[in-house]
Amino acid sequence: MSRKHTRVLIVEDEPMIAFTLQDLLIEAGFEVVGVARRIEKALEQIGSTGFDVAIVDANLAGVSASPAASALAARGLPFIVLSGYSREQLQDAFPGAFFMRKPCRSAQIIQALNTIVLKE
């Protein structure tokens, strides 16, 4: 699968981070199919939107995004978890995730997505 055809769902509650991610991904050649700011919207989009990979903030307005991770895993969809928490703190809640610690550089996010896409 090439980057040009890779569809990404963003699950992020902070508007500036979501907009920045969206712009970054579009500029890098990815297609952003949706942005969910709350867990309910994330679960709805995971169930109804076609996409190849997701970027998920571990904490959405004080609520764990682990149900979104479970829904992604159940559909066999790869995802990146962005968080200020360490991998060790979140590993049980986000099995199978590719972890990135906030703050991270744009190039790191693109590299992680490319790694995931090439695996598929």
PDB file of N, CA and C in Angstrom:
ATOM      1  N   MET A   1       0.846  -1.165   0.000  1.00  0.00           N
ATOM      2  CA  MET A   1       0.000   0.000   0.000  1.00  0.00           C
ATOM      3  C   MET A   1       0.897   1.236   0.000  1.00  0.00           C
ATOM      4  N   SER A   2       0.625   2.143  -0.878  1.00  0.00           N
ATOM      5  CA  SER A   2       1.438   3.350  -0.926  1.00  0.00           C
ATOM      6  C   SER A   2       0.865   4.403   0.014  1.00  0.00           C
ATOM      7  N   ARG A   3       1.698   5.322   0.383  1.00  0.00           N
ATOM      8  CA  ARG A   3       1.282   6.393   1.290  1.00  0.00           C
ATOM      9  C   ARG A   3       0.126   7.172   0.679  1.00  0.00           C
ATOM     10  N   LYS A   4       0.146   7.374  -0.641  1.00  0.00           N
ATOM     11  CA  LYS A   4      -0.869   8.179  -1.314  1.00  0.00           C
ATOM     12  C   LYS A   4      -2.273   7.617  -1.089  1.00  0.00           C
ATOM     13  N   HIS A   5      -2.379   6.319  -0.930  1.00  0.00           N
ATOM     14  CA  HIS A   5      -3.687   5.689  -0.767  1.00  0.00           C
ATOM     15  C   HIS A   5      -3.976   5.281   0.675  1.00  0.00           C
ATOM     16  N   THR A   6      -3.120   5.682   1.588  1.00  0.00           N
ATOM     17  CA  THR A   6      -3.305   5.318   2.984  1.00  0.00           C
ATOM     18  C   THR A   6      -4.271   6.289   3.651  1.00  0.00           C
ATOM     19  N   ARG A   7      -5.355   5.724   4.185  1.00  0.00           N
ATOM     20  CA  ARG A   7      -6.397   6.514   4.849  1.00  0.00           C
ATOM     21  C   ARG A   7      -6.182   6.455   6.353  1.00  0.00           C
ATOM     22  N   VAL A   8      -6.188   7.628   7.000  1.00  0.00           N
ATOM     23  CA  VAL A   8      -5.864   7.744   8.423  1.00  0.00           C
ATOM     24  C   VAL A   8      -7.041   8.350   9.181  1.00  0.00           C
ATOM     25  N   LEU A   9      -7.372   7.745  10.319  1.00  0.00           N
ATOM     26  CA  LEU A   9      -8.331   8.303  11.259  1.00  0.00           C
ATOM     27  C   LEU A   9      -7.541   8.907  12.416  1.00  0.00           C
ATOM     28  N   ILE A  10      -7.866  10.141  12.787  1.00  0.00           N
ATOM     29  CA  ILE A  10      -7.215  10.815  13.919  1.00  0.00           C
ATOM     30  C   ILE A  10      -8.197  10.851  15.081  1.00  0.00           C
ATOM     31  N   VAL A  11      -7.749  10.374  16.238  1.00  0.00           N
ATOM     32  CA  VAL A  11      -8.549  10.413  17.465  1.00  0.00           C
ATOM     33  C   VAL A  11      -7.750  11.258  18.462  1.00  0.00           C
ATOM     34  N   GLU A  12      -8.158  12.517  18.590  1.00  0.00           N
ATOM     35  CA  GLU A  12      -7.395  13.497  19.380  1.00  0.00           C
ATOM     36  C   GLU A  12      -8.350  14.570  19.889  1.00  0.00           C
ATOM     37  N   ASP A  13      -8.339  14.831  21.200  1.00  0.00           N
ATOM     38  CA  ASP A  13      -9.275  15.801  21.777  1.00  0.00           C
ATOM     39  C   ASP A  13      -8.796  17.240  21.741  1.00  0.00           C
ATOM     40  N   GLU A  14      -7.512  17.481  21.599  1.00  0.00           N
ATOM     41  CA  GLU A  14      -6.986  18.843  21.566  1.00  0.00           C
ATOM     42  C   GLU A  14      -7.064  19.379  20.140  1.00  0.00           C
ATOM     43  N   PRO A  15      -7.906  20.394  19.897  1.00  0.00           N
ATOM     44  CA  PRO A  15      -8.104  20.883  18.528  1.00  0.00           C
ATOM     45  C   PRO A  15      -6.818  21.273  17.798  1.00  0.00           C
ATOM     46  N   MET A  16      -5.903  21.962  18.475  1.00  0.00           N
ATOM     47  CA  MET A  16      -4.667  22.391  17.794  1.00  0.00           C
ATOM     48  C   MET A  16      -3.808  21.193  17.387  1.00  0.00           C
ATOM     49  N   ILE A  17      -3.740  20.184  18.245  1.00  0.00           N
ATOM     50  CA  ILE A  17      -2.971  18.991  17.896  1.00  0.00           C
ATOM     51  C   ILE A  17      -3.647  18.261  16.741  1.00  0.00           C
ATOM     52  N   ALA A  18      -4.977  18.145  16.790  1.00  0.00           N
ATOM     53  CA  ALA A  18      -5.714  17.471  15.720  1.00  0.00           C
ATOM     54  C   ALA A  18      -5.508  18.183  14.386  1.00  0.00           C
ATOM     55  N   PHE A  19      -5.634  19.511  14.377  1.00  0.00           N
ATOM     56  CA  PHE A  19      -5.446  20.268  13.136  1.00  0.00           C
ATOM     57  C   PHE A  19      -4.018  20.140  12.625  1.00  0.00           C
ATOM     58  N   THR A  20      -3.056  20.211  13.539  1.00  0.00           N
ATOM     59  CA  THR A  20      -1.655  20.082  13.153  1.00  0.00           C
ATOM     60  C   THR A  20      -1.384  18.713  12.553  1.00  0.00           C
ATOM     61  N   LEU A  21      -1.897  17.662  13.195  1.00  0.00           N
ATOM     62  CA  LEU A  21      -1.735  16.308  12.662  1.00  0.00           C
ATOM     63  C   LEU A  21      -2.368  16.182  11.285  1.00  0.00           C
ATOM     64  N   GLN A  22      -3.570  16.709  11.150  1.00  0.00           N
ATOM     65  CA  GLN A  22      -4.278  16.630   9.877  1.00  0.00           C
ATOM     66  C   GLN A  22      -3.463  17.301   8.764  1.00  0.00           C
ATOM     67  N   ASP A  23      -2.994  18.508   9.017  1.00  0.00           N
ATOM     68  CA  ASP A  23      -2.188  19.221   8.025  1.00  0.00           C
ATOM     69  C   ASP A  23      -0.901  18.460   7.699  1.00  0.00           C
ATOM     70  N   LEU A  24      -0.239  17.967   8.723  1.00  0.00           N
ATOM     71  CA  LEU A  24       1.006  17.214   8.544  1.00  0.00           C
ATOM     72  C   LEU A  24       0.777  15.998   7.649  1.00  0.00           C
ATOM     73  N   LEU A  25      -0.270  15.250   7.941  1.00  0.00           N
ATOM     74  CA  LEU A  25      -0.536  14.020   7.190  1.00  0.00           C
ATOM     75  C   LEU A  25      -0.908  14.312   5.742  1.00  0.00           C
ATOM     76  N   ILE A  26      -1.744  15.307   5.536  1.00  0.00           N
ATOM     77  CA  ILE A  26      -2.131  15.666   4.170  1.00  0.00           C
ATOM     78  C   ILE A  26      -0.908  16.130   3.378  1.00  0.00           C
ATOM     79  N   GLU A  27      -0.084  16.960   4.011  1.00  0.00           N
ATOM     80  CA  GLU A  27       1.132  17.438   3.357  1.00  0.00           C
ATOM     81  C   GLU A  27       2.073  16.283   2.997  1.00  0.00           C
ATOM     82  N   ALA A  28       2.082  15.232   3.827  1.00  0.00           N
ATOM     83  CA  ALA A  28       2.949  14.071   3.594  1.00  0.00           C
ATOM     84  C   ALA A  28       2.337  13.073   2.610  1.00  0.00           C
ATOM     85  N   GLY A  29       1.107  13.344   2.147  1.00  0.00           N
ATOM     86  CA  GLY A  29       0.512  12.477   1.139  1.00  0.00           C
ATOM     87  C   GLY A  29      -0.487  11.460   1.651  1.00  0.00           C
ATOM     88  N   PHE A  30      -0.836  11.539   2.922  1.00  0.00           N
ATOM     89  CA  PHE A  30      -1.843  10.644   3.478  1.00  0.00           C
ATOM     90  C   PHE A  30      -3.230  11.249   3.288  1.00  0.00           C
ATOM     91  N   GLU A  31      -4.254  10.422   3.339  1.00  0.00           N
ATOM     92  CA  GLU A  31      -5.632  10.905   3.280  1.00  0.00           C
ATOM     93  C   GLU A  31      -6.233  10.819   4.679  1.00  0.00           C
ATOM     94  N   VAL A  32      -6.661  11.937   5.232  1.00  0.00           N
ATOM     95  CA  VAL A  32      -7.302  11.947   6.545  1.00  0.00           C
ATOM     96  C   VAL A  32      -8.802  11.780   6.325  1.00  0.00           C
ATOM     97  N   VAL A  33      -9.367  10.683   6.861  1.00  0.00           N
ATOM     98  CA  VAL A  33     -10.782  10.374   6.628  1.00  0.00           C
ATOM     99  C   VAL A  33     -11.685  10.883   7.740  1.00  0.00           C
ATOM    100  N   GLY A  34     -11.098  11.292   8.853  1.00  0.00           N
ATOM    101  CA  GLY A  34     -11.908  11.810   9.939  1.00  0.00           C
ATOM    102  C   GLY A  34     -11.080  12.179  11.138  1.00  0.00           C
ATOM    103  N   VAL A  35     -11.684  13.035  11.975  1.00  0.00           N
ATOM    104  CA  VAL A  35     -11.079  13.427  13.247  1.00  0.00           C
ATOM    105  C   VAL A  35     -12.153  13.249  14.308  1.00  0.00           C
ATOM    106  N   ALA A  36     -11.850  12.468  15.333  1.00  0.00           N
ATOM    107  CA  ALA A  36     -12.773  12.255  16.453  1.00  0.00           C
ATOM    108  C   ALA A  36     -12.148  12.862  17.700  1.00  0.00           C
ATOM    109  N   ARG A  37     -12.935  13.656  18.423  1.00  0.00           N
ATOM    110  CA  ARG A  37     -12.415  14.315  19.624  1.00  0.00           C
ATOM    111  C   ARG A  37     -12.898  13.659  20.908  1.00  0.00           C
ATOM    112  N   ARG A  38     -13.897  12.799  20.818  1.00  0.00           N
ATOM    113  CA  ARG A  38     -14.456  12.110  21.989  1.00  0.00           C
ATOM    114  C   ARG A  38     -14.535  10.612  21.701  1.00  0.00           C
ATOM    115  N   ILE A  39     -14.537   9.813  22.742  1.00  0.00           N
ATOM    116  CA  ILE A  39     -14.517   8.363  22.577  1.00  0.00           C
ATOM    117  C   ILE A  39     -15.752   7.862  21.822  1.00  0.00           C
ATOM    118  N   GLU A  40     -16.910   8.455  22.076  1.00  0.00           N
ATOM    119  CA  GLU A  40     -18.123   8.014  21.390  1.00  0.00           C
ATOM    120  C   GLU A  40     -17.998   8.203  19.880  1.00  0.00           C
ATOM    121  N   LYS A  41     -17.501   9.351  19.472  1.00  0.00           N
ATOM    122  CA  LYS A  41     -17.311   9.639  18.043  1.00  0.00           C
ATOM    123  C   LYS A  41     -16.237   8.725  17.455  1.00  0.00           C
ATOM    124  N   ALA A  42     -15.190   8.467  18.227  1.00  0.00           N
ATOM    125  CA  ALA A  42     -14.130   7.571  17.760  1.00  0.00           C
ATOM    126  C   ALA A  42     -14.688   6.178  17.486  1.00  0.00           C
ATOM    127  N   LEU A  43     -15.471   5.661  18.423  1.00  0.00           N
ATOM    128  CA  LEU A  43     -16.051   4.323  18.245  1.00  0.00           C
ATOM    129  C   LEU A  43     -16.996   4.290  17.050  1.00  0.00           C
ATOM    130  N   GLU A  44     -17.763   5.356  16.877  1.00  0.00           N
ATOM    131  CA  GLU A  44     -18.671   5.445  15.726  1.00  0.00           C
ATOM    132  C   GLU A  44     -17.880   5.418  14.419  1.00  0.00           C
ATOM    133  N   GLN A  45     -16.811   6.209  14.348  1.00  0.00           N
ATOM    134  CA  GLN A  45     -16.015   6.270  13.121  1.00  0.00           C
ATOM    135  C   GLN A  45     -15.252   4.969  12.876  1.00  0.00           C
ATOM    136  N   ILE A  46     -14.772   4.337  13.928  1.00  0.00           N
ATOM    137  CA  ILE A  46     -14.073   3.062  13.761  1.00  0.00           C
ATOM    138  C   ILE A  46     -15.020   2.017  13.170  1.00  0.00           C
ATOM    139  N   GLY A  47     -16.270   2.067  13.599  1.00  0.00           N
ATOM    140  CA  GLY A  47     -17.245   1.104  13.111  1.00  0.00           C
ATOM    141  C   GLY A  47     -17.800   1.393  11.737  1.00  0.00           C
ATOM    142  N   SER A  48     -17.725   2.655  11.294  1.00  0.00           N
ATOM    143  CA  SER A  48     -18.416   3.001  10.052  1.00  0.00           C
ATOM    144  C   SER A  48     -17.543   3.628   8.963  1.00  0.00           C
ATOM    145  N   THR A  49     -16.327   4.009   9.278  1.00  0.00           N
ATOM    146  CA  THR A  49     -15.477   4.708   8.319  1.00  0.00           C
ATOM    147  C   THR A  49     -14.392   3.776   7.813  1.00  0.00           C
ATOM    148  N   GLY A  50     -14.155   3.801   6.512  1.00  0.00           N
ATOM    149  CA  GLY A  50     -13.073   2.995   5.954  1.00  0.00           C
ATOM    150  C   GLY A  50     -11.741   3.711   6.098  1.00  0.00           C
ATOM    151  N   PHE A  51     -10.796   3.062   6.746  1.00  0.00           N
ATOM    152  CA  PHE A  51      -9.455   3.630   6.889  1.00  0.00           C
ATOM    153  C   PHE A  51      -8.467   2.502   7.110  1.00  0.00           C
ATOM    154  N   ASP A  52      -7.176   2.830   6.993  1.00  0.00           N
ATOM    155  CA  ASP A  52      -6.118   1.827   7.054  1.00  0.00           C
ATOM    156  C   ASP A  52      -5.325   1.838   8.350  1.00  0.00           C
ATOM    157  N   VAL A  53      -5.251   2.998   8.994  1.00  0.00           N
ATOM    158  CA  VAL A  53      -4.450   3.160  10.199  1.00  0.00           C
ATOM    159  C   VAL A  53      -5.039   4.324  10.996  1.00  0.00           C
ATOM    160  N   ALA A  54      -4.845   4.297  12.312  1.00  0.00           N
ATOM    161  CA  ALA A  54      -5.351   5.376  13.165  1.00  0.00           C
ATOM    162  C   ALA A  54      -4.233   5.913  14.046  1.00  0.00           C
ATOM    163  N   ILE A  55      -4.386   7.183  14.396  1.00  0.00           N
ATOM    164  CA  ILE A  55      -3.530   7.815  15.395  1.00  0.00           C
ATOM    165  C   ILE A  55      -4.456   8.169  16.549  1.00  0.00           C
ATOM    166  N   VAL A  56      -4.158   7.634  17.739  1.00  0.00           N
ATOM    167  CA  VAL A  56      -5.069   7.744  18.873  1.00  0.00           C
ATOM    168  C   VAL A  56      -4.358   8.377  20.070  1.00  0.00           C
ATOM    169  N   ASP A  57      -4.942   9.453  20.586  1.00  0.00           N
ATOM    170  CA  ASP A  57      -4.481  10.032  21.848  1.00  0.00           C
ATOM    171  C   ASP A  57      -4.970   9.094  22.952  1.00  0.00           C
ATOM    172  N   ALA A  58      -4.124   8.759  23.892  1.00  0.00           N
ATOM    173  CA  ALA A  58      -4.491   7.800  24.943  1.00  0.00           C
ATOM    174  C   ALA A  58      -5.581   8.313  25.871  1.00  0.00           C
ATOM    175  N   ASN A  59      -5.682   9.631  26.007  1.00  0.00           N
ATOM    176  CA  ASN A  59      -6.624  10.232  26.943  1.00  0.00           C
ATOM    177  C   ASN A  59      -7.448  11.280  26.202  1.00  0.00           C
ATOM    178  N   LEU A  60      -8.746  11.073  26.135  1.00  0.00           N
ATOM    179  CA  LEU A  60      -9.640  12.003  25.437  1.00  0.00           C
ATOM    180  C   LEU A  60     -10.487  12.745  26.454  1.00  0.00           C
ATOM    181  N   ALA A  61     -10.105  13.969  26.749  1.00  0.00           N
ATOM    182  CA  ALA A  61     -10.834  14.801  27.704  1.00  0.00           C
ATOM    183  C   ALA A  61     -11.051  14.076  29.032  1.00  0.00           C
ATOM    184  N   GLY A  62     -10.001  13.438  29.528  1.00  0.00           N
ATOM    185  CA  GLY A  62     -10.064  12.753  30.813  1.00  0.00           C
ATOM    186  C   GLY A  62     -10.606  11.336  30.761  1.00  0.00           C
ATOM    187  N   VAL A  63     -10.912  10.841  29.557  1.00  0.00           N
ATOM    188  CA  VAL A  63     -11.454   9.486  29.390  1.00  0.00           C
ATOM    189  C   VAL A  63     -10.444   8.649  28.615  1.00  0.00           C
ATOM    190  N   SER A  64     -10.177   7.453  29.089  1.00  0.00           N
ATOM    191  CA  SER A  64      -9.243   6.570  28.397  1.00  0.00           C
ATOM    192  C   SER A  64      -9.763   6.213  27.010  1.00  0.00           C
ATOM    193  N   ALA A  65      -8.875   6.217  26.043  1.00  0.00           N
ATOM    194  CA  ALA A  65      -9.228   5.822  24.677  1.00  0.00           C
ATOM    195  C   ALA A  65      -9.056   4.324  24.471  1.00  0.00           C
ATOM    196  N   SER A  66      -8.886   3.563  25.543  1.00  0.00           N
ATOM    197  CA  SER A  66      -8.688   2.113  25.398  1.00  0.00           C
ATOM    198  C   SER A  66      -9.850   1.410  24.692  1.00  0.00           C
ATOM    199  N   PRO A  67     -11.128   1.851  24.844  1.00  0.00           N
ATOM    200  CA  PRO A  67     -12.184   1.204  24.053  1.00  0.00           C
ATOM    201  C   PRO A  67     -11.966   1.366  22.541  1.00  0.00           C
ATOM    202  N   ALA A  68     -11.409   2.496  22.138  1.00  0.00           N
ATOM    203  CA  ALA A  68     -11.094   2.699  20.718  1.00  0.00           C
ATOM    204  C   ALA A  68      -9.995   1.731  20.297  1.00  0.00           C
ATOM    205  N   ALA A  69      -8.997   1.551  21.151  1.00  0.00           N
ATOM    206  CA  ALA A  69      -7.921   0.612  20.849  1.00  0.00           C
ATOM    207  C   ALA A  69      -8.467  -0.808  20.713  1.00  0.00           C
ATOM    208  N   SER A  70      -9.374  -1.186  21.590  1.00  0.00           N
ATOM    209  CA  SER A  70      -9.979  -2.516  21.513  1.00  0.00           C
ATOM    210  C   SER A  70     -10.763  -2.687  20.216  1.00  0.00           C
ATOM    211  N   ALA A  71     -11.498  -1.646  19.825  1.00  0.00           N
ATOM    212  CA  ALA A  71     -12.279  -1.698  18.578  1.00  0.00           C
ATOM    213  C   ALA A  71     -11.352  -1.791  17.367  1.00  0.00           C
ATOM    214  N   LEU A  72     -10.249  -1.064  17.392  1.00  0.00           N
ATOM    215  CA  LEU A  72      -9.281  -1.132  16.298  1.00  0.00           C
ATOM    216  C   LEU A  72      -8.657  -2.521  16.213  1.00  0.00           C
ATOM    217  N   ALA A  73      -8.260  -3.042  17.363  1.00  0.00           N
ATOM    218  CA  ALA A  73      -7.656  -4.377  17.397  1.00  0.00           C
ATOM    219  C   ALA A  73      -8.641  -5.439  16.903  1.00  0.00           C
ATOM    220  N   ALA A  74      -9.909  -5.305  17.280  1.00  0.00           N
ATOM    221  CA  ALA A  74     -10.931  -6.269  16.858  1.00  0.00           C
ATOM    222  C   ALA A  74     -11.110  -6.257  15.339  1.00  0.00           C
ATOM    223  N   ARG A  75     -10.899  -5.102  14.717  1.00  0.00           N
ATOM    224  CA  ARG A  75     -11.015  -4.993  13.257  1.00  0.00           C
ATOM    225  C   ARG A  75      -9.690  -5.280  12.565  1.00  0.00           C
ATOM    226  N   GLY A  76      -8.643  -5.542  13.349  1.00  0.00           N
ATOM    227  CA  GLY A  76      -7.340  -5.837  12.759  1.00  0.00           C
ATOM    228  C   GLY A  76      -6.661  -4.619  12.151  1.00  0.00           C
ATOM    229  N   LEU A  77      -6.998  -3.433  12.666  1.00  0.00           N
ATOM    230  CA  LEU A  77      -6.425  -2.195  12.135  1.00  0.00           C
ATOM    231  C   LEU A  77      -5.252  -1.725  12.984  1.00  0.00           C
ATOM    232  N   PRO A  78      -4.135  -1.401  12.356  1.00  0.00           N
ATOM    233  CA  PRO A  78      -2.982  -0.910  13.118  1.00  0.00           C
ATOM    234  C   PRO A  78      -3.227   0.516  13.602  1.00  0.00           C
ATOM    235  N   PHE A  79      -2.581   0.860  14.721  1.00  0.00           N
ATOM    236  CA  PHE A  79      -2.747   2.218  15.239  1.00  0.00           C
ATOM    237  C   PHE A  79      -1.543   2.641  16.054  1.00  0.00           C
ATOM    238  N   ILE A  80      -1.375   3.963  16.089  1.00  0.00           N
ATOM    239  CA  ILE A  80      -0.336   4.599  16.887  1.00  0.00           C
ATOM    240  C   ILE A  80      -1.031   5.247  18.076  1.00  0.00           C
ATOM    241  N   VAL A  81      -0.482   5.071  19.261  1.00  0.00           N
ATOM    242  CA  VAL A  81      -0.979   5.762  20.444  1.00  0.00           C
ATOM    243  C   VAL A  81      -0.005   6.889  20.763  1.00  0.00           C
ATOM    244  N   LEU A  82      -0.532   8.110  20.787  1.00  0.00           N
ATOM    245  CA  LEU A  82       0.244   9.285  21.200  1.00  0.00           C
ATOM    246  C   LEU A  82      -0.130   9.595  22.634  1.00  0.00           C
ATOM    247  N   SER A  83       0.860   9.753  23.487  1.00  0.00           N
ATOM    248  CA  SER A  83       0.548  10.009  24.882  1.00  0.00           C
ATOM    249  C   SER A  83       1.712  10.638  25.613  1.00  0.00           C
ATOM    250  N   GLY A  84       1.386  11.375  26.646  1.00  0.00           N
ATOM    251  CA  GLY A  84       2.397  11.873  27.562  1.00  0.00           C
ATOM    252  C   GLY A  84       2.814  10.798  28.557  1.00  0.00           C
ATOM    253  N   TYR A  85       2.008   9.744  28.638  1.00  0.00           N
ATOM    254  CA  TYR A  85       2.326   8.612  29.511  1.00  0.00           C
ATOM    255  C   TYR A  85       3.333   7.701  28.825  1.00  0.00           C
ATOM    256  N   SER A  86       4.040   6.908  29.613  1.00  0.00           N
ATOM    257  CA  SER A  86       5.010   5.979  29.039  1.00  0.00           C
ATOM    258  C   SER A  86       4.312   4.720  28.526  1.00  0.00           C
ATOM    259  N   ARG A  87       4.990   4.003  27.675  1.00  0.00           N
ATOM    260  CA  ARG A  87       4.496   2.730  27.144  1.00  0.00           C
ATOM    261  C   ARG A  87       4.160   1.772  28.294  1.00  0.00           C
ATOM    262  N   GLU A  88       5.006   1.726  29.307  1.00  0.00           N
ATOM    263  CA  GLU A  88       4.793   0.821  30.437  1.00  0.00           C
ATOM    264  C   GLU A  88       3.503   1.156  31.191  1.00  0.00           C
ATOM    265  N   GLN A  89       3.192   2.441  31.295  1.00  0.00           N
ATOM    266  CA  GLN A  89       1.977   2.851  31.997  1.00  0.00           C
ATOM    267  C   GLN A  89       0.708   2.479  31.230  1.00  0.00           C
ATOM    268  N   LEU A  90       0.806   2.358  29.915  1.00  0.00           N
ATOM    269  CA  LEU A  90      -0.386   2.166  29.085  1.00  0.00           C
ATOM    270  C   LEU A  90      -0.481   0.821  28.388  1.00  0.00           C
ATOM    271  N   GLN A  91       0.559   0.041  28.431  1.00  0.00           N
ATOM    272  CA  GLN A  91       0.635  -1.180  27.630  1.00  0.00           C
ATOM    273  C   GLN A  91      -0.588  -2.089  27.785  1.00  0.00           C
ATOM    274  N   ASP A  92      -1.069  -2.281  28.997  1.00  0.00           N
ATOM    275  CA  ASP A  92      -2.209  -3.170  29.213  1.00  0.00           C
ATOM    276  C   ASP A  92      -3.494  -2.623  28.597  1.00  0.00           C
ATOM    277  N   ALA A  93      -3.649  -1.310  28.563  1.00  0.00           N
ATOM    278  CA  ALA A  93      -4.858  -0.690  28.018  1.00  0.00           C
ATOM    279  C   ALA A  93      -4.834  -0.594  26.489  1.00  0.00           C
ATOM    280  N   PHE A  94      -3.645  -0.691  25.904  1.00  0.00           N
ATOM    281  CA  PHE A  94      -3.503  -0.506  24.455  1.00  0.00           C
ATOM    282  C   PHE A  94      -2.647  -1.624  23.842  1.00  0.00           C
ATOM    283  N   PRO A  95      -3.090  -2.866  23.953  1.00  0.00           N
ATOM    284  CA  PRO A  95      -2.288  -3.969  23.415  1.00  0.00           C
ATOM    285  C   PRO A  95      -2.161  -3.856  21.897  1.00  0.00           C
ATOM    286  N   GLY A  96      -0.965  -4.137  21.404  1.00  0.00           N
ATOM    287  CA  GLY A  96      -0.731  -4.129  19.967  1.00  0.00           C
ATOM    288  C   GLY A  96      -0.466  -2.767  19.370  1.00  0.00           C
ATOM    289  N   ALA A  97      -0.448  -1.730  20.198  1.00  0.00           N
ATOM    290  CA  ALA A  97      -0.257  -0.375  19.683  1.00  0.00           C
ATOM    291  C   ALA A  97       1.211  -0.072  19.442  1.00  0.00           C
ATOM    292  N   PHE A  98       1.449   0.829  18.522  1.00  0.00           N
ATOM    293  CA  PHE A  98       2.756   1.430  18.304  1.00  0.00           C
ATOM    294  C   PHE A  98       2.738   2.704  19.149  1.00  0.00           C
ATOM    295  N   PHE A  99       3.603   2.801  20.152  1.00  0.00           N
ATOM    296  CA  PHE A  99       3.575   3.929  21.089  1.00  0.00           C
ATOM    297  C   PHE A  99       4.513   5.048  20.670  1.00  0.00           C
ATOM    298  N   MET A 100       4.025   6.277  20.837  1.00  0.00           N
ATOM    299  CA  MET A 100       4.854   7.463  20.659  1.00  0.00           C
ATOM    300  C   MET A 100       4.566   8.403  21.817  1.00  0.00           C
ATOM    301  N   ARG A 101       5.626   8.892  22.419  1.00  0.00           N
ATOM    302  CA  ARG A 101       5.503   9.770  23.585  1.00  0.00           C
ATOM    303  C   ARG A 101       5.390  11.219  23.128  1.00  0.00           C
ATOM    304  N   LYS A 102       4.386  11.927  23.643  1.00  0.00           N
ATOM    305  CA  LYS A 102       4.252  13.364  23.365  1.00  0.00           C
ATOM    306  C   LYS A 102       5.249  14.117  24.213  1.00  0.00           C
ATOM    307  N   PRO A 103       5.806  15.182  23.750  1.00  0.00           N
ATOM    308  CA  PRO A 103       5.705  15.673  22.379  1.00  0.00           C
ATOM    309  C   PRO A 103       6.651  14.890  21.467  1.00  0.00           C
ATOM    310  N   CYS A 104       6.260  14.748  20.216  1.00  0.00           N
ATOM    311  CA  CYS A 104       7.138  14.091  19.248  1.00  0.00           C
ATOM    312  C   CYS A 104       7.203  14.943  17.988  1.00  0.00           C
ATOM    313  N   ARG A 105       8.272  14.758  17.266  1.00  0.00           N
ATOM    314  CA  ARG A 105       8.482  15.551  16.059  1.00  0.00           C
ATOM    315  C   ARG A 105       7.624  15.014  14.910  1.00  0.00           C
ATOM    316  N   SER A 106       7.284  15.887  14.002  1.00  0.00           N
ATOM    317  CA  SER A 106       6.481  15.525  12.834  1.00  0.00           C
ATOM    318  C   SER A 106       7.115  14.374  12.063  1.00  0.00           C
ATOM    319  N   ALA A 107       8.415  14.459  11.873  1.00  0.00           N
ATOM    320  CA  ALA A 107       9.117  13.420  11.106  1.00  0.00           C
ATOM    321  C   ALA A 107       8.979  12.053  11.772  1.00  0.00           C
ATOM    322  N   GLN A 108       8.933  12.020  13.097  1.00  0.00           N
ATOM    323  CA  GLN A 108       8.771  10.747  13.806  1.00  0.00           C
ATOM    324  C   GLN A 108       7.397  10.134  13.541  1.00  0.00           C
ATOM    325  N   ILE A 109       6.380  10.957  13.488  1.00  0.00           N
ATOM    326  CA  ILE A 109       5.023  10.464  13.227  1.00  0.00           C
ATOM    327  C   ILE A 109       4.940   9.905  11.813  1.00  0.00           C
ATOM    328  N   ILE A 110       5.478  10.633  10.848  1.00  0.00           N
ATOM    329  CA  ILE A 110       5.457  10.174   9.456  1.00  0.00           C
ATOM    330  C   ILE A 110       6.252   8.880   9.318  1.00  0.00           C
ATOM    331  N   GLN A 111       7.398   8.805   9.971  1.00  0.00           N
ATOM    332  CA  GLN A 111       8.214   7.595   9.916  1.00  0.00           C
ATOM    333  C   GLN A 111       7.453   6.406  10.513  1.00  0.00           C
ATOM    334  N   ALA A 112       6.781   6.620  11.633  1.00  0.00           N
ATOM    335  CA  ALA A 112       6.010   5.540  12.266  1.00  0.00           C
ATOM    336  C   ALA A 112       4.887   5.082  11.347  1.00  0.00           C
ATOM    337  N   LEU A 113       4.161   6.022  10.744  1.00  0.00           N
ATOM    338  CA  LEU A 113       3.090   5.644   9.815  1.00  0.00           C
ATOM    339  C   LEU A 113       3.638   4.869   8.623  1.00  0.00           C
ATOM    340  N   ASN A 114       4.749   5.327   8.082  1.00  0.00           N
ATOM    341  CA  ASN A 114       5.356   4.616   6.946  1.00  0.00           C
ATOM    342  C   ASN A 114       5.754   3.200   7.342  1.00  0.00           C
ATOM    343  N   THR A 115       6.294   3.033   8.540  1.00  0.00           N
ATOM    344  CA  THR A 115       6.678   1.709   9.021  1.00  0.00           C
ATOM    345  C   THR A 115       5.451   0.802   9.111  1.00  0.00           C
ATOM    346  N   ILE A 116       4.369   1.328   9.665  1.00  0.00           N
ATOM    347  CA  ILE A 116       3.142   0.552   9.810  1.00  0.00           C
ATOM    348  C   ILE A 116       2.556   0.202   8.443  1.00  0.00           C
ATOM    349  N   VAL A 117       2.514   1.172   7.552  1.00  0.00           N
ATOM    350  CA  VAL A 117       1.947   0.965   6.219  1.00  0.00           C
ATOM    351  C   VAL A 117       2.743  -0.077   5.448  1.00  0.00           C
ATOM    352  N   LEU A 118       4.068  -0.029   5.554  1.00  0.00           N
ATOM    353  CA  LEU A 118       4.904  -0.985   4.833  1.00  0.00           C
ATOM    354  C   LEU A 118       4.744  -2.405   5.362  1.00  0.00           C
ATOM    355  N   LYS A 119       4.389  -2.534   6.634  1.00  0.00           N
ATOM    356  CA  LYS A 119       4.156  -3.857   7.229  1.00  0.00           C
ATOM    357  C   LYS A 119       2.923  -4.528   6.654  1.00  0.00           C
ATOM    358  N   GLU A 120       1.935  -3.712   6.291  1.00  0.00           N
ATOM    359  CA  GLU A 120       0.640  -4.248   5.854  1.00  0.00           C
ATOM    360  C   GLU A 120       0.730  -4.876   4.495  1.00  0.00           C
TER     361      GLU A 120
END
